[in-house]
Amino acid sequence: MEIKNNGVNEEQVVYAKVLEAGMYLGLAILFITFAIYIFGIMKPAIPLDHISTLWSQPVHHYLEEINHNFLHLEQGPTGWTWCTLLDKADFLNFIGIALLSGVTIVCFLAIIPVLLRKGDKVYATMALVEALILILAASGILQAGH
C-alpha cells in the first residue's frame, strides 16, 4: 500500500509506514507459525486433540491444568514465561502476537527523530514517554489486581 502525503504531517506518514511494515511482518509470522503448529512440523506443548476440552475453563484453571498435565513447570505459564516455551509449536505462535502488540512502541520511537528535526521537542518528549510507558507496561514489572 502506498501512502500519499496529502497535507499529512511527516511524522504521521512515518508512523503509518512503520505500522504497516510491522503489521505485515507480524501477520506473516502468524501465518508461518500457525502452519508450523497445524501441520505438526514442531511438537506442541498441548496436543491438538486436548485443546477443545480446555476451552470452556476459566483462564486460571486452564493455566493450572495445562501446567499440571503438559508443561510441568514450577509455576504456571504467565507473563513472559511463553518465551521459555518457544520450542513448542503452540507457544511459537506468540511471536507474531507479541510483534503486533509491540509495533506501536516502534512507531512512537520512529517518529522521534522526525519531531526533533522539526524542532518539536514537546511532541518528541511525549512520544518518548509514551514508548517508555508501553515498554514498562509490557515488561510485567508493574502488576495490578494481585
N, C-alpha and C. Protein backbone atom coordinates (compact mmCIF):
# COMPACT_ATOMS: atom_id res chain seq x y z
N MET A 1 0.85 -1.18 0.00
CA MET A 1 0.00 0.00 0.00
C MET A 1 0.89 1.24 0.00
N GLU A 2 0.61 2.15 -0.89
CA GLU A 2 1.38 3.39 -0.95
C GLU A 2 0.65 4.47 -0.17
N ILE A 3 1.39 5.15 0.69
CA ILE A 3 0.81 6.23 1.48
C ILE A 3 1.14 7.54 0.80
N LYS A 4 0.11 8.29 0.44
CA LYS A 4 0.31 9.59 -0.21
C LYS A 4 0.28 10.68 0.85
N ASN A 5 1.14 11.66 0.67
CA ASN A 5 1.24 12.76 1.62
C ASN A 5 0.36 13.92 1.17
N ASN A 6 -0.93 13.81 1.42
CA ASN A 6 -1.89 14.86 1.05
C ASN A 6 -2.13 15.77 2.23
N GLY A 7 -1.15 16.61 2.55
CA GLY A 7 -1.30 17.52 3.67
C GLY A 7 -1.15 16.84 5.01
N VAL A 8 -0.61 15.65 5.04
CA VAL A 8 -0.42 14.90 6.28
C VAL A 8 0.99 15.20 6.80
N ASN A 9 1.10 15.34 8.10
CA ASN A 9 2.41 15.61 8.70
C ASN A 9 3.38 14.47 8.42
N GLU A 10 4.66 14.82 8.32
CA GLU A 10 5.70 13.82 8.04
C GLU A 10 5.72 12.72 9.10
N GLU A 11 5.54 13.10 10.37
CA GLU A 11 5.58 12.09 11.44
C GLU A 11 4.41 11.12 11.33
N GLN A 12 3.28 11.59 10.80
CA GLN A 12 2.14 10.69 10.60
C GLN A 12 2.43 9.67 9.50
N VAL A 13 3.12 10.13 8.46
CA VAL A 13 3.49 9.22 7.37
C VAL A 13 4.50 8.19 7.87
N VAL A 14 5.50 8.63 8.63
CA VAL A 14 6.49 7.71 9.18
C VAL A 14 5.81 6.69 10.09
N TYR A 15 4.94 7.17 10.97
CA TYR A 15 4.21 6.28 11.89
C TYR A 15 3.42 5.24 11.09
N ALA A 16 2.72 5.70 10.06
CA ALA A 16 1.89 4.80 9.25
C ALA A 16 2.73 3.77 8.51
N LYS A 17 3.87 4.18 7.96
CA LYS A 17 4.75 3.25 7.23
C LYS A 17 5.32 2.19 8.17
N VAL A 18 5.75 2.60 9.36
CA VAL A 18 6.29 1.64 10.33
C VAL A 18 5.17 0.70 10.79
N LEU A 19 4.00 1.24 11.04
CA LEU A 19 2.85 0.43 11.45
C LEU A 19 2.49 -0.59 10.37
N GLU A 20 2.49 -0.14 9.12
CA GLU A 20 2.17 -1.05 8.01
C GLU A 20 3.20 -2.17 7.91
N ALA A 21 4.48 -1.83 7.96
CA ALA A 21 5.53 -2.85 7.88
C ALA A 21 5.44 -3.82 9.05
N GLY A 22 5.22 -3.30 10.25
CA GLY A 22 5.10 -4.16 11.43
C GLY A 22 3.89 -5.06 11.36
N MET A 23 2.79 -4.53 10.83
CA MET A 23 1.57 -5.32 10.70
C MET A 23 1.78 -6.46 9.71
N TYR A 24 2.38 -6.17 8.57
CA TYR A 24 2.61 -7.22 7.58
C TYR A 24 3.60 -8.26 8.09
N LEU A 25 4.65 -7.82 8.78
CA LEU A 25 5.62 -8.76 9.33
C LEU A 25 4.95 -9.64 10.39
N GLY A 26 4.20 -9.03 11.29
CA GLY A 26 3.50 -9.80 12.32
C GLY A 26 2.52 -10.79 11.73
N LEU A 27 1.79 -10.37 10.71
CA LEU A 27 0.82 -11.24 10.06
C LEU A 27 1.52 -12.41 9.37
N ALA A 28 2.63 -12.13 8.69
CA ALA A 28 3.40 -13.20 8.04
C ALA A 28 3.91 -14.20 9.07
N ILE A 29 4.42 -13.70 10.19
CA ILE A 29 4.90 -14.59 11.24
C ILE A 29 3.76 -15.42 11.81
N LEU A 30 2.59 -14.81 11.98
CA LEU A 30 1.42 -15.57 12.46
C LEU A 30 1.07 -16.69 11.50
N PHE A 31 1.05 -16.41 10.20
CA PHE A 31 0.73 -17.45 9.22
C PHE A 31 1.76 -18.58 9.25
N ILE A 32 3.04 -18.23 9.29
CA ILE A 32 4.10 -19.23 9.28
C ILE A 32 4.06 -20.08 10.54
N THR A 33 3.97 -19.44 11.71
CA THR A 33 3.99 -20.20 12.95
C THR A 33 2.72 -21.03 13.12
N PHE A 34 1.57 -20.53 12.61
CA PHE A 34 0.35 -21.32 12.66
C PHE A 34 0.46 -22.55 11.76
N ALA A 35 1.07 -22.39 10.60
CA ALA A 35 1.29 -23.53 9.70
C ALA A 35 2.20 -24.56 10.36
N ILE A 36 3.24 -24.09 11.03
CA ILE A 36 4.14 -24.99 11.76
C ILE A 36 3.36 -25.78 12.80
N TYR A 37 2.46 -25.11 13.48
CA TYR A 37 1.63 -25.73 14.51
C TYR A 37 0.64 -26.73 13.92
N ILE A 38 -0.15 -26.30 12.95
CA ILE A 38 -1.21 -27.13 12.39
C ILE A 38 -0.66 -28.35 11.64
N PHE A 39 0.42 -28.17 10.89
CA PHE A 39 0.96 -29.27 10.10
C PHE A 39 1.92 -30.16 10.89
N GLY A 40 2.08 -29.88 12.18
CA GLY A 40 2.88 -30.75 13.04
C GLY A 40 4.36 -30.72 12.76
N ILE A 41 4.85 -29.63 12.21
CA ILE A 41 6.29 -29.52 11.92
C ILE A 41 7.08 -29.49 13.23
N MET A 42 6.50 -28.84 14.24
CA MET A 42 7.07 -28.86 15.59
C MET A 42 6.00 -29.42 16.53
N LYS A 43 6.44 -30.06 17.57
CA LYS A 43 5.52 -30.63 18.54
C LYS A 43 4.96 -29.52 19.44
N PRO A 44 3.63 -29.52 19.67
CA PRO A 44 3.04 -28.53 20.58
C PRO A 44 3.17 -28.99 22.03
N ALA A 45 3.02 -28.07 22.95
CA ALA A 45 3.02 -28.42 24.38
C ALA A 45 1.72 -29.15 24.73
N ILE A 46 0.62 -28.67 24.18
CA ILE A 46 -0.68 -29.27 24.43
C ILE A 46 -1.15 -29.92 23.13
N PRO A 47 -1.33 -31.23 23.14
CA PRO A 47 -1.76 -31.91 21.91
C PRO A 47 -3.08 -31.33 21.37
N LEU A 48 -3.17 -31.25 20.04
CA LEU A 48 -4.35 -30.67 19.39
C LEU A 48 -5.65 -31.33 19.84
N ASP A 49 -5.64 -32.62 20.09
CA ASP A 49 -6.88 -33.30 20.47
C ASP A 49 -7.33 -32.98 21.89
N HIS A 50 -6.50 -32.29 22.68
CA HIS A 50 -6.88 -31.89 24.04
C HIS A 50 -7.35 -30.44 24.13
N ILE A 51 -7.07 -29.66 23.12
CA ILE A 51 -7.36 -28.22 23.17
C ILE A 51 -8.84 -27.93 23.41
N SER A 52 -9.71 -28.57 22.66
CA SER A 52 -11.15 -28.24 22.76
C SER A 52 -11.72 -28.57 24.14
N THR A 53 -11.16 -29.52 24.84
CA THR A 53 -11.66 -29.85 26.18
C THR A 53 -11.25 -28.79 27.20
N LEU A 54 -10.27 -27.97 26.88
CA LEU A 54 -9.79 -26.96 27.81
C LEU A 54 -10.41 -25.59 27.58
N TRP A 55 -11.03 -25.35 26.43
CA TRP A 55 -11.53 -24.03 26.06
C TRP A 55 -12.59 -23.49 26.99
N SER A 56 -13.39 -24.34 27.56
CA SER A 56 -14.52 -23.86 28.37
C SER A 56 -14.11 -23.45 29.79
N GLN A 57 -12.87 -23.68 30.14
CA GLN A 57 -12.42 -23.39 31.50
C GLN A 57 -12.03 -21.91 31.66
N PRO A 58 -12.20 -21.38 32.87
CA PRO A 58 -11.66 -20.04 33.16
C PRO A 58 -10.13 -20.06 32.98
N VAL A 59 -9.56 -18.91 32.65
CA VAL A 59 -8.13 -18.84 32.35
C VAL A 59 -7.27 -19.42 33.47
N HIS A 60 -7.57 -19.09 34.71
CA HIS A 60 -6.76 -19.58 35.83
C HIS A 60 -6.75 -21.11 35.87
N HIS A 61 -7.91 -21.73 35.72
CA HIS A 61 -7.98 -23.20 35.72
C HIS A 61 -7.31 -23.79 34.49
N TYR A 62 -7.49 -23.14 33.36
CA TYR A 62 -6.85 -23.58 32.13
C TYR A 62 -5.32 -23.61 32.29
N LEU A 63 -4.77 -22.51 32.82
CA LEU A 63 -3.31 -22.45 33.01
C LEU A 63 -2.82 -23.49 34.00
N GLU A 64 -3.57 -23.69 35.07
CA GLU A 64 -3.19 -24.72 36.05
C GLU A 64 -3.21 -26.10 35.43
N GLU A 65 -4.26 -26.39 34.66
CA GLU A 65 -4.38 -27.72 34.07
C GLU A 65 -3.31 -27.99 33.02
N ILE A 66 -3.05 -27.02 32.13
CA ILE A 66 -2.01 -27.29 31.12
C ILE A 66 -0.63 -27.40 31.77
N ASN A 67 -0.42 -26.65 32.84
CA ASN A 67 0.87 -26.77 33.53
C ASN A 67 0.97 -28.15 34.19
N HIS A 68 -0.08 -28.56 34.88
CA HIS A 68 -0.07 -29.84 35.59
C HIS A 68 0.04 -31.03 34.62
N ASN A 69 -0.72 -30.98 33.53
CA ASN A 69 -0.79 -32.12 32.62
C ASN A 69 0.26 -32.14 31.50
N PHE A 70 0.76 -30.96 31.11
CA PHE A 70 1.61 -30.93 29.94
C PHE A 70 2.96 -30.24 30.13
N LEU A 71 2.97 -29.10 30.81
CA LEU A 71 4.20 -28.30 30.89
C LEU A 71 5.11 -28.69 32.04
N HIS A 72 4.53 -29.00 33.17
CA HIS A 72 5.27 -29.40 34.37
C HIS A 72 6.30 -28.37 34.80
N LEU A 73 5.88 -27.10 34.79
CA LEU A 73 6.75 -26.02 35.25
C LEU A 73 6.59 -25.84 36.75
N GLU A 74 7.58 -25.21 37.38
CA GLU A 74 7.48 -24.92 38.80
C GLU A 74 6.28 -24.03 39.10
N GLN A 75 6.07 -23.03 38.25
CA GLN A 75 4.90 -22.15 38.32
C GLN A 75 4.24 -22.13 36.95
N GLY A 76 2.94 -21.92 36.93
CA GLY A 76 2.20 -21.91 35.67
C GLY A 76 2.69 -20.84 34.72
N PRO A 77 2.36 -20.98 33.44
CA PRO A 77 2.83 -20.04 32.42
C PRO A 77 2.04 -18.73 32.44
N THR A 78 2.65 -17.69 32.97
CA THR A 78 2.04 -16.37 32.96
C THR A 78 3.10 -15.37 32.49
N GLY A 79 2.65 -14.18 32.15
CA GLY A 79 3.60 -13.13 31.74
C GLY A 79 4.44 -13.56 30.55
N TRP A 80 5.72 -13.35 30.67
CA TRP A 80 6.66 -13.63 29.59
C TRP A 80 7.20 -15.06 29.64
N THR A 81 6.60 -15.94 30.44
CA THR A 81 7.04 -17.34 30.52
C THR A 81 7.00 -18.01 29.15
N TRP A 82 6.10 -17.55 28.29
CA TRP A 82 5.97 -18.15 26.97
C TRP A 82 7.30 -18.12 26.20
N CYS A 83 8.16 -17.16 26.51
CA CYS A 83 9.45 -17.06 25.81
C CYS A 83 10.34 -18.27 26.07
N THR A 84 10.14 -18.91 27.20
CA THR A 84 10.93 -20.11 27.52
C THR A 84 10.35 -21.36 26.87
N LEU A 85 9.19 -21.23 26.25
CA LEU A 85 8.49 -22.37 25.67
C LEU A 85 8.43 -22.30 24.14
N LEU A 86 9.34 -21.55 23.53
CA LEU A 86 9.31 -21.37 22.08
C LEU A 86 9.72 -22.62 21.30
N ASP A 87 10.14 -23.66 22.00
CA ASP A 87 10.42 -24.91 21.32
C ASP A 87 9.14 -25.74 21.12
N LYS A 88 8.01 -25.20 21.55
CA LYS A 88 6.69 -25.84 21.38
C LYS A 88 5.90 -25.03 20.36
N ALA A 89 5.29 -25.69 19.40
CA ALA A 89 4.61 -25.02 18.29
C ALA A 89 3.49 -24.10 18.74
N ASP A 90 2.75 -24.49 19.78
CA ASP A 90 1.63 -23.66 20.21
C ASP A 90 2.09 -22.37 20.87
N PHE A 91 3.27 -22.35 21.43
CA PHE A 91 3.80 -21.12 22.03
C PHE A 91 4.58 -20.31 21.00
N LEU A 92 5.04 -20.95 19.94
CA LEU A 92 5.74 -20.25 18.86
C LEU A 92 4.83 -19.20 18.23
N ASN A 93 3.53 -19.46 18.22
CA ASN A 93 2.55 -18.51 17.67
C ASN A 93 2.58 -17.16 18.38
N PHE A 94 3.02 -17.13 19.61
CA PHE A 94 3.03 -15.90 20.39
C PHE A 94 4.00 -14.86 19.86
N ILE A 95 4.98 -15.28 19.06
CA ILE A 95 5.94 -14.33 18.50
C ILE A 95 5.23 -13.28 17.65
N GLY A 96 4.36 -13.73 16.76
CA GLY A 96 3.61 -12.80 15.91
C GLY A 96 2.69 -11.91 16.72
N ILE A 97 2.06 -12.48 17.73
CA ILE A 97 1.16 -11.70 18.59
C ILE A 97 1.94 -10.63 19.34
N ALA A 98 3.10 -11.00 19.88
CA ALA A 98 3.94 -10.03 20.60
C ALA A 98 4.42 -8.93 19.66
N LEU A 99 4.78 -9.30 18.44
CA LEU A 99 5.22 -8.30 17.47
C LEU A 99 4.10 -7.33 17.14
N LEU A 100 2.91 -7.86 16.89
CA LEU A 100 1.77 -6.99 16.59
C LEU A 100 1.43 -6.10 17.78
N SER A 101 1.58 -6.63 18.98
CA SER A 101 1.30 -5.84 20.18
C SER A 101 2.34 -4.75 20.42
N GLY A 102 3.56 -5.01 20.02
CA GLY A 102 4.64 -4.07 20.29
C GLY A 102 4.97 -3.10 19.17
N VAL A 103 4.32 -3.23 18.03
CA VAL A 103 4.67 -2.38 16.89
C VAL A 103 4.38 -0.91 17.19
N THR A 104 3.42 -0.62 18.04
CA THR A 104 3.12 0.77 18.39
C THR A 104 4.31 1.43 19.07
N ILE A 105 5.03 0.68 19.87
CA ILE A 105 6.23 1.20 20.53
C ILE A 105 7.25 1.63 19.48
N VAL A 106 7.46 0.77 18.50
CA VAL A 106 8.41 1.07 17.43
C VAL A 106 7.96 2.30 16.64
N CYS A 107 6.65 2.42 16.43
CA CYS A 107 6.11 3.60 15.73
C CYS A 107 6.43 4.89 16.48
N PHE A 108 6.20 4.89 17.78
CA PHE A 108 6.49 6.08 18.57
C PHE A 108 7.98 6.42 18.52
N LEU A 109 8.83 5.40 18.64
CA LEU A 109 10.27 5.65 18.59
C LEU A 109 10.70 6.15 17.21
N ALA A 110 10.05 5.68 16.16
CA ALA A 110 10.41 6.08 14.79
C ALA A 110 10.10 7.54 14.50
N ILE A 111 9.07 8.09 15.14
CA ILE A 111 8.72 9.49 14.84
C ILE A 111 9.53 10.49 15.65
N ILE A 112 10.24 10.06 16.66
CA ILE A 112 11.01 10.98 17.50
C ILE A 112 12.05 11.76 16.68
N PRO A 113 12.88 11.11 15.83
CA PRO A 113 13.84 11.90 15.03
C PRO A 113 13.16 12.92 14.11
N VAL A 114 12.00 12.57 13.56
CA VAL A 114 11.27 13.50 12.69
C VAL A 114 10.83 14.71 13.50
N LEU A 115 10.28 14.46 14.67
CA LEU A 115 9.81 15.56 15.53
C LEU A 115 10.97 16.45 15.98
N LEU A 116 12.09 15.84 16.32
CA LEU A 116 13.26 16.63 16.75
C LEU A 116 13.81 17.46 15.59
N ARG A 117 13.84 16.87 14.40
CA ARG A 117 14.32 17.60 13.23
C ARG A 117 13.43 18.81 12.94
N LYS A 118 12.15 18.69 13.23
CA LYS A 118 11.20 19.80 13.03
C LYS A 118 11.23 20.78 14.20
N GLY A 119 12.03 20.46 15.24
CA GLY A 119 12.13 21.34 16.40
C GLY A 119 10.96 21.19 17.37
N ASP A 120 10.22 20.14 17.25
CA ASP A 120 9.05 19.91 18.10
C ASP A 120 9.44 19.03 19.29
N LYS A 121 10.14 19.65 20.23
CA LYS A 121 10.67 18.91 21.39
C LYS A 121 9.57 18.40 22.31
N VAL A 122 8.48 19.13 22.41
CA VAL A 122 7.38 18.71 23.30
C VAL A 122 6.77 17.40 22.80
N TYR A 123 6.43 17.34 21.51
CA TYR A 123 5.85 16.10 20.97
C TYR A 123 6.87 14.97 20.95
N ALA A 124 8.13 15.28 20.70
CA ALA A 124 9.17 14.26 20.73
C ALA A 124 9.28 13.66 22.13
N THR A 125 9.23 14.53 23.14
CA THR A 125 9.26 14.06 24.53
C THR A 125 8.03 13.22 24.85
N MET A 126 6.87 13.67 24.37
CA MET A 126 5.64 12.91 24.60
C MET A 126 5.70 11.53 23.94
N ALA A 127 6.26 11.46 22.74
CA ALA A 127 6.39 10.18 22.04
C ALA A 127 7.34 9.25 22.79
N LEU A 128 8.44 9.81 23.30
CA LEU A 128 9.39 9.02 24.06
C LEU A 128 8.76 8.51 25.35
N VAL A 129 8.07 9.38 26.06
CA VAL A 129 7.41 8.98 27.31
C VAL A 129 6.36 7.91 27.04
N GLU A 130 5.59 8.08 25.98
CA GLU A 130 4.58 7.07 25.62
C GLU A 130 5.23 5.73 25.33
N ALA A 131 6.32 5.73 24.58
CA ALA A 131 7.04 4.48 24.29
C ALA A 131 7.56 3.84 25.58
N LEU A 132 8.11 4.66 26.46
CA LEU A 132 8.63 4.12 27.73
C LEU A 132 7.51 3.55 28.60
N ILE A 133 6.35 4.21 28.62
CA ILE A 133 5.21 3.69 29.38
C ILE A 133 4.75 2.36 28.82
N LEU A 134 4.67 2.26 27.50
CA LEU A 134 4.26 1.00 26.88
C LEU A 134 5.28 -0.11 27.14
N ILE A 135 6.56 0.23 27.10
CA ILE A 135 7.61 -0.76 27.40
C ILE A 135 7.49 -1.22 28.85
N LEU A 136 7.29 -0.28 29.74
CA LEU A 136 7.14 -0.62 31.16
C LEU A 136 5.90 -1.49 31.38
N ALA A 137 4.81 -1.15 30.73
CA ALA A 137 3.59 -1.95 30.87
C ALA A 137 3.79 -3.37 30.33
N ALA A 138 4.47 -3.48 29.20
CA ALA A 138 4.69 -4.80 28.60
C ALA A 138 5.70 -5.63 29.38
N SER A 139 6.57 -4.97 30.12
CA SER A 139 7.63 -5.69 30.84
C SER A 139 7.10 -6.60 31.94
N GLY A 140 5.94 -6.26 32.48
CA GLY A 140 5.41 -7.05 33.58
C GLY A 140 5.92 -6.61 34.93
N ILE A 141 6.74 -5.56 34.97
CA ILE A 141 7.27 -5.06 36.23
C ILE A 141 6.13 -4.53 37.11
N LEU A 142 5.23 -3.78 36.48
CA LEU A 142 4.07 -3.27 37.21
C LEU A 142 2.93 -4.28 37.07
N GLN A 143 2.33 -4.62 38.18
CA GLN A 143 1.22 -5.56 38.15
C GLN A 143 0.06 -4.98 38.93
N ALA A 144 -1.13 -5.22 38.45
CA ALA A 144 -2.33 -4.75 39.13
C ALA A 144 -3.28 -5.93 39.34
N GLY A 145 -4.06 -5.85 40.36
CA GLY A 145 -5.06 -6.88 40.62
C GLY A 145 -4.53 -8.11 41.32
N HIS A 146 -3.36 -8.06 41.87
CA HIS A 146 -2.81 -9.23 42.57
C HIS A 146 -2.83 -9.01 44.06
